[in-house]
């Protein structure tokens, strides 16, 4: 009999999860509520329904179910965790932190650690978050996620050098993690821009593909900030070569090539950007200037005329046509 009940509950939970994934959360709640009427003492089923209630913003119903479970099973970890999530949603952050800590004592997991650290930071207690991360790192020194969490805590505490060091270790352990790389480089740039550029040179040896493209693009932005435009163009070229599907890299390369007066190289990139976003005034204006500066105003007028036919709603394109036709007239007189 117990086995039949176990199987019935398991099947109901699977069906409810499928319904929820399909966007039919209300039906999933009804299914589990009906099953709970048959098995009211099942804590797993009760917590699963409570979690669905949380996802559908039925917070009071979720809290009531979780109170029932915790009254009968005060050390039931899943209920503690769900109740902590409910308290956080209702703004009871101190109580949420207490419940997350209890759930952590029952069964420490990476998910609970992240939730605890994030909640401590939300409560304005970065020192407590930092100590929690450091205590866990004593047990697991090769955990990149822990170093990233420590970096967040150190940064919120105002310890930028320690934050950069923590993120650096996270990147060393997991160089493909885009968020950690970006945060580390931003901190390095704030602390010492030139040193950050040197650091990215070392980082490029540890990453590949899209990750390497992102590092090249970051270097390009830093070089632009230091007015080193030719070097920035080389970095954007590298990023574009590694990730040709990334339109942002292509457009930024087009802009900087225009700035360097390398118009013939800039034009294909800027034309592609204008075809994607004809309403973008910055792209359109830069492209008009590039056509005119390259002595190809007539070609530019023809390009924008074709664009008008494809996007008749975008009246601003006519301004580009008129400007280039005027420039083409000047070219013909020469």
Protein backbone atom coordinates (compact mmCIF):
# COMPACT_ATOMS: atom_id res chain seq x y z
CA UNK A 1 0.00 0.00 0.00
CA UNK A 2 2.80 2.39 0.91
CA UNK A 3 4.55 1.54 -2.35
CA UNK A 4 1.36 2.33 -4.29
CA UNK A 5 1.09 5.69 -2.55
CA UNK A 6 4.75 6.45 -3.25
CA UNK A 7 4.29 5.63 -6.94
CA UNK A 8 1.07 7.66 -7.19
CA UNK A 9 2.66 10.72 -5.62
CA UNK A 10 5.74 10.43 -7.81
CA UNK A 11 3.65 10.17 -10.96
CA UNK A 12 1.50 13.14 -9.95
CA UNK A 13 4.59 15.27 -9.31
CA UNK A 14 6.05 14.33 -12.70
CA UNK A 15 2.79 15.22 -14.45
CA UNK A 16 2.60 18.53 -12.59
CA UNK A 17 6.18 19.39 -13.52
CA UNK A 18 5.43 18.68 -17.19
CA UNK A 19 2.35 20.91 -17.01
CA UNK A 20 4.31 23.72 -15.34
CA UNK A 21 7.06 23.51 -17.97
CA UNK A 22 4.37 23.76 -20.66
CA UNK A 23 3.09 27.00 -19.10
CA UNK A 24 0.07 25.36 -17.49
CA UNK A 25 0.96 26.06 -13.87
CA UNK A 26 -2.65 26.53 -12.73
CA UNK A 27 -3.52 23.02 -13.96
CA UNK A 28 -0.42 21.68 -12.22
CA UNK A 29 -1.55 23.25 -8.94
CA UNK A 30 -5.03 21.74 -9.28
CA UNK A 31 -3.59 18.30 -10.01
CA UNK A 32 -1.34 18.35 -6.94
CA UNK A 33 -4.05 19.81 -4.69
CA UNK A 34 -6.36 16.94 -5.65
CA UNK A 35 -3.60 14.44 -4.98
CA UNK A 36 -2.81 16.11 -1.64
CA UNK A 37 -6.43 15.56 -0.57
CA UNK A 38 -5.73 11.83 -0.93
CA UNK A 39 -2.30 11.93 0.76
CA UNK A 40 -2.45 14.88 3.22
CA UNK A 41 0.44 13.61 5.35
CA UNK A 42 2.99 13.45 2.51
CA UNK A 43 5.58 16.22 3.11
CA UNK A 44 7.20 15.84 -0.33
CA UNK A 45 3.87 16.34 -2.10
CA UNK A 46 2.96 19.26 0.17
CA UNK A 47 6.26 21.07 -0.42
CA UNK A 48 6.05 20.47 -4.16
CA UNK A 49 2.60 22.06 -4.26
CA UNK A 50 3.82 24.93 -2.06
CA UNK A 51 6.67 25.59 -4.49
CA UNK A 52 4.20 25.75 -7.36
CA UNK A 53 2.12 28.21 -5.35
CA UNK A 54 5.25 30.35 -4.89
CA UNK A 55 5.88 30.35 -8.64
CA UNK A 56 2.29 31.43 -9.30
CA UNK A 57 2.45 34.15 -6.58
CA UNK A 58 -0.04 32.40 -4.29
CA UNK A 59 2.21 33.23 -1.36
CA UNK A 60 -0.29 32.93 1.50
CA UNK A 61 -1.37 29.44 0.41
CA UNK A 62 2.26 28.38 0.03
CA UNK A 63 3.17 29.67 3.48
CA UNK A 64 0.20 27.88 5.08
CA UNK A 65 1.19 24.54 3.54
CA UNK A 66 4.80 24.96 4.58
CA UNK A 67 3.80 25.86 8.14
CA UNK A 68 1.86 22.58 8.30
CA UNK A 69 4.86 20.57 7.12
CA UNK A 70 7.29 22.29 9.48
CA UNK A 71 4.95 21.81 12.44
CA UNK A 72 4.97 18.07 11.80
CA UNK A 73 8.57 17.86 10.51
CA UNK A 74 10.58 20.84 11.87
CA UNK A 75 13.87 19.57 10.41
CA UNK A 76 12.56 18.82 6.90
CA UNK A 77 15.13 20.58 4.70
CA UNK A 78 13.05 21.09 1.53
CA UNK A 79 10.29 22.75 3.58
CA UNK A 80 12.79 25.01 5.36
CA UNK A 81 14.26 26.05 2.02
CA UNK A 82 10.86 26.70 0.44
CA UNK A 83 9.68 28.66 3.46
CA UNK A 84 12.88 30.74 3.30
CA UNK A 85 12.13 31.52 -0.34
CA UNK A 86 8.57 32.49 0.61
CA UNK A 87 9.80 34.81 3.36
CA UNK A 88 12.26 36.44 0.98
CA UNK A 89 9.47 37.05 -1.54
CA UNK A 90 7.37 38.76 1.13
CA UNK A 91 10.30 40.92 2.25
CA UNK A 92 10.92 39.14 5.58
CA UNK A 93 14.64 38.96 4.89
CA UNK A 94 15.93 38.29 8.41
CA UNK A 95 13.54 35.36 8.82
CA UNK A 96 14.45 34.11 5.35
CA UNK A 97 18.14 34.16 6.27
CA UNK A 98 17.44 32.23 9.48
CA UNK A 99 15.52 29.57 7.56
CA UNK A 100 18.16 29.29 4.84
CA UNK A 101 20.76 28.78 7.58
CA UNK A 102 18.66 25.99 9.13
CA UNK A 103 18.21 24.33 5.74
CA UNK A 104 21.97 24.61 5.24
CA UNK A 105 22.56 22.79 8.52
CA UNK A 106 20.29 19.96 7.36
CA UNK A 107 22.00 19.62 3.99
CA UNK A 108 24.60 22.10 2.72
CA UNK A 109 24.32 22.49 -1.06
CA UNK A 110 25.84 24.93 -3.59
CA UNK A 111 22.36 26.34 -4.25
CA UNK A 112 21.78 27.10 -0.57
CA UNK A 113 25.21 28.66 -0.27
CA UNK A 114 24.46 31.03 -3.16
CA UNK A 115 21.09 31.93 -1.68
CA UNK A 116 22.60 32.57 1.76
CA UNK A 117 25.41 34.75 0.41
CA UNK A 118 23.06 36.73 -1.83
CA UNK A 119 20.63 37.25 1.03
CA UNK A 120 23.36 38.38 3.42
CA UNK A 121 24.49 40.90 0.81
CA UNK A 122 20.90 42.07 0.35
CA UNK A 123 20.72 42.57 4.12
CA UNK A 124 23.85 44.74 3.97
CA UNK A 125 26.01 42.21 5.78
CA UNK A 126 28.96 41.66 3.41
CA UNK A 127 31.30 40.73 6.27
CA UNK A 128 29.07 37.79 7.23
CA UNK A 129 28.85 36.73 3.58
CA UNK A 130 32.62 36.97 3.27
CA UNK A 131 33.23 34.85 6.36
CA UNK A 132 30.79 32.21 5.12
CA UNK A 133 32.60 32.01 1.78
CA UNK A 134 36.01 31.83 3.42
CA UNK A 135 34.88 29.06 5.77
CA UNK A 136 33.65 27.01 2.82
CA UNK A 137 36.84 27.69 0.84
CA UNK A 138 38.82 26.12 3.66
CA UNK A 139 37.02 22.87 2.77
CA UNK A 140 37.05 23.30 -1.02
CA UNK A 141 39.88 25.48 -2.31
CA UNK A 142 39.26 24.53 -5.94
CA UNK A 143 35.70 25.87 -6.12
CA UNK A 144 35.45 28.69 -8.68
CA UNK A 145 31.87 29.52 -7.66
CA UNK A 146 32.95 30.10 -4.06
CA UNK A 147 35.69 32.50 -5.16
CA UNK A 148 33.18 34.41 -7.30
CA UNK A 149 30.80 34.70 -4.33
CA UNK A 150 33.70 35.86 -2.17
CA UNK A 151 34.52 38.44 -4.84
CA UNK A 152 30.98 39.82 -4.65
CA UNK A 153 31.15 40.02 -0.86
CA UNK A 154 34.56 41.72 -0.86
CA UNK A 155 33.39 44.21 -3.47
CA UNK A 156 30.29 45.11 -1.46
CA UNK A 157 32.49 45.51 1.62
CA UNK A 158 34.59 48.03 -0.34
CA UNK A 159 37.66 45.80 -0.56
CA UNK A 160 38.27 46.14 -4.30
CA UNK A 161 41.76 44.63 -4.31
CA UNK A 162 40.57 41.58 -2.38
CA UNK A 163 37.54 41.36 -4.68
CA UNK A 164 39.77 41.43 -7.76
CA UNK A 165 41.99 38.74 -6.24
CA UNK A 166 38.97 36.52 -5.54
CA UNK A 167 37.62 36.94 -9.07
CA UNK A 168 41.10 36.31 -10.46
CA UNK A 169 41.16 32.95 -8.70
CA UNK A 170 37.65 32.18 -9.98
CA UNK A 171 38.82 32.93 -13.53
CA UNK A 172 41.94 30.81 -13.08
CA UNK A 173 39.81 27.86 -12.01
CA UNK A 174 37.10 28.41 -14.63
CA UNK A 175 38.41 30.69 -17.42
CA UNK A 176 35.33 30.10 -19.61
CA UNK A 177 32.91 31.75 -17.15
CA UNK A 178 31.95 34.98 -18.93
CA UNK A 179 30.51 36.82 -15.91
CA UNK A 180 33.53 36.19 -13.70
CA UNK A 181 35.95 37.23 -16.46
CA UNK A 182 34.05 40.43 -17.09
CA UNK A 183 33.78 41.33 -13.40
CA UNK A 184 37.47 40.64 -12.82
CA UNK A 185 38.53 42.79 -15.76
CA UNK A 186 36.23 45.64 -14.70
CA UNK A 187 37.73 45.62 -11.22
CA UNK A 188 41.27 45.50 -12.58
CA UNK A 189 40.47 48.43 -14.84
CA UNK A 190 39.15 50.43 -11.88
CA UNK A 191 42.29 49.67 -9.90
CA UNK A 192 44.84 50.13 -12.70
CA UNK A 193 43.91 50.29 -16.38
CA UNK A 194 47.30 49.40 -17.88
CA UNK A 195 47.68 46.45 -15.54
CA UNK A 196 44.25 45.21 -16.64
CA UNK A 197 45.37 45.20 -20.29
CA UNK A 198 48.43 43.17 -19.37
CA UNK A 199 46.26 40.77 -17.43
CA UNK A 200 43.96 40.18 -20.40
CA UNK A 201 46.99 39.29 -22.49
CA UNK A 202 47.67 36.45 -20.06
CA UNK A 203 44.00 35.51 -19.92
CA UNK A 204 43.85 35.06 -23.71
CA UNK A 205 46.17 32.07 -23.35
CA UNK A 206 43.57 30.27 -21.23
CA UNK A 207 40.41 30.91 -23.25
CA UNK A 208 39.24 30.15 -26.76
CA UNK A 209 36.36 30.72 -29.17
CA UNK A 210 33.64 33.08 -28.00
CA UNK A 211 35.30 33.53 -24.63
CA UNK A 212 38.46 34.78 -26.35
CA UNK A 213 36.35 37.05 -28.57
CA UNK A 214 34.85 38.63 -25.47
CA UNK A 215 38.30 39.30 -24.01
CA UNK A 216 39.47 40.88 -27.28
CA UNK A 217 36.37 43.11 -27.29
CA UNK A 218 37.00 44.14 -23.70
CA UNK A 219 40.60 45.01 -24.57
CA UNK A 220 39.33 47.07 -27.51
CA UNK A 221 37.06 49.09 -25.23
CA UNK A 222 39.90 49.76 -22.80
CA UNK A 223 42.26 50.77 -25.61
CA UNK A 224 39.62 53.15 -26.98
CA UNK A 225 39.33 54.67 -23.53
CA UNK A 226 43.08 55.34 -23.67
CA UNK A 227 42.78 56.83 -27.19
CA UNK A 228 44.76 53.92 -28.71
CA UNK A 229 42.43 53.50 -31.67
CA UNK A 230 44.62 51.51 -34.07
CA UNK A 231 45.27 48.89 -31.39
CA UNK A 232 41.58 48.87 -30.50
CA UNK A 233 40.72 48.17 -34.15
CA UNK A 234 43.07 45.18 -34.14
CA UNK A 235 41.34 43.81 -31.04
CA UNK A 236 37.88 44.24 -32.58
CA UNK A 237 39.13 42.54 -35.74
CA UNK A 238 40.24 39.59 -33.63
CA UNK A 239 36.89 39.49 -31.81
CA UNK A 240 34.98 39.67 -35.11
CA UNK A 241 37.09 36.87 -36.60
CA UNK A 242 36.42 34.61 -33.61
CA UNK A 243 32.69 35.41 -33.37
CA UNK A 244 31.48 36.61 -36.80
CA UNK A 245 27.86 36.10 -35.75
CA UNK A 246 28.20 38.77 -33.05
CA UNK A 247 26.79 41.95 -34.60
CA UNK A 248 28.07 44.18 -31.80
CA UNK A 249 31.70 43.33 -32.53
CA UNK A 250 31.17 43.90 -36.27
CA UNK A 251 29.52 47.28 -35.72
CA UNK A 252 32.13 48.48 -33.25
CA UNK A 253 34.84 47.47 -35.71
CA UNK A 254 33.05 49.45 -38.42
CA UNK A 255 32.87 52.55 -36.21
CA UNK A 256 36.52 52.47 -35.26
CA UNK A 257 37.69 51.78 -38.84
CA UNK A 258 35.71 54.85 -39.89
CA UNK A 259 37.42 56.84 -37.15
CA UNK A 260 40.79 55.68 -38.51
CA UNK A 261 39.75 56.79 -42.03
CA UNK A 262 39.85 53.18 -43.25
CA UNK A 263 36.60 53.79 -45.08
CA UNK A 264 36.68 50.95 -47.61
CA UNK A 265 37.07 48.46 -44.75
CA UNK A 266 34.43 50.17 -42.63
CA UNK A 267 31.74 50.38 -45.32
CA UNK A 268 30.74 46.68 -45.56
CA UNK A 269 30.38 46.46 -41.77
CA UNK A 270 28.39 49.68 -41.49
CA UNK A 271 26.17 48.76 -44.46
CA UNK A 272 25.31 45.45 -42.78
CA UNK A 273 24.48 47.32 -39.56
CA UNK A 274 22.21 49.75 -41.45
CA UNK A 275 20.41 46.86 -43.13
CA UNK A 276 19.75 45.29 -39.73
CA UNK A 277 18.73 48.54 -38.03
CA UNK A 278 17.85 51.26 -40.57
CA UNK A 279 16.25 53.34 -37.80
CA UNK A 280 19.57 53.64 -35.89
CA UNK A 281 20.62 57.26 -36.35
CA UNK A 282 24.23 56.71 -35.25
CA UNK A 283 24.79 53.88 -37.73
CA UNK A 284 23.06 55.80 -40.51
CA UNK A 285 24.99 59.02 -39.91
CA UNK A 286 28.35 57.25 -39.69
CA UNK A 287 27.65 55.34 -42.89
CA UNK A 288 26.72 58.54 -44.75
CA UNK A 289 30.00 60.12 -43.64
CA UNK A 290 31.97 57.02 -44.64
CA UNK A 291 30.44 56.93 -48.15
CA UNK A 292 31.14 60.64 -48.63
CA UNK A 293 34.69 60.48 -47.25
CA UNK A 294 35.51 57.48 -49.45
CA UNK A 295 34.36 59.37 -52.56
CA UNK A 296 31.54 56.87 -53.05
CA UNK A 297 28.56 59.14 -52.40
CA UNK A 298 26.64 58.02 -55.51
CA UNK A 299 26.98 54.40 -54.41
CA UNK A 300 25.78 55.42 -50.96
CA UNK A 301 22.74 57.23 -52.35
CA UNK A 302 21.81 54.10 -54.33
CA UNK A 303 22.27 51.93 -51.22
CA UNK A 304 19.96 54.08 -49.10
CA UNK A 305 17.42 54.35 -51.92
CA UNK A 306 17.17 50.55 -51.95
CA UNK A 307 16.86 50.64 -48.16
CA UNK A 308 13.91 53.05 -48.43
CA UNK A 309 12.13 50.56 -50.68
CA UNK A 310 12.64 47.79 -48.12
CA UNK A 311 11.71 49.94 -45.11
CA UNK A 312 9.20 52.55 -46.36
CA UNK A 313 8.07 53.26 -42.78
CA UNK A 314 11.54 54.57 -41.87
CA UNK A 315 11.33 58.08 -43.30
CA UNK A 316 14.62 59.17 -41.76
CA UNK A 317 16.43 57.19 -44.47
CA UNK A 318 15.37 59.84 -47.01
CA UNK A 319 17.63 62.32 -45.23
CA UNK A 320 20.60 60.04 -45.90
CA UNK A 321 19.60 59.76 -49.58
CA UNK A 322 19.40 63.54 -49.97
CA UNK A 323 22.73 64.16 -48.23
CA UNK A 324 24.52 61.62 -50.38
CA UNK A 325 22.89 62.80 -53.61
CA UNK A 326 24.11 66.29 -52.77
CA UNK A 327 27.61 64.95 -52.04
CA UNK A 328 27.54 62.93 -55.28
CA UNK A 329 26.75 66.13 -57.21
CA UNK A 330 29.84 67.71 -55.72
CA UNK A 331 31.91 64.68 -56.72
CA UNK A 332 30.67 64.91 -60.31
CA UNK A 333 31.62 68.58 -60.55
CA UNK A 334 35.15 67.66 -59.54
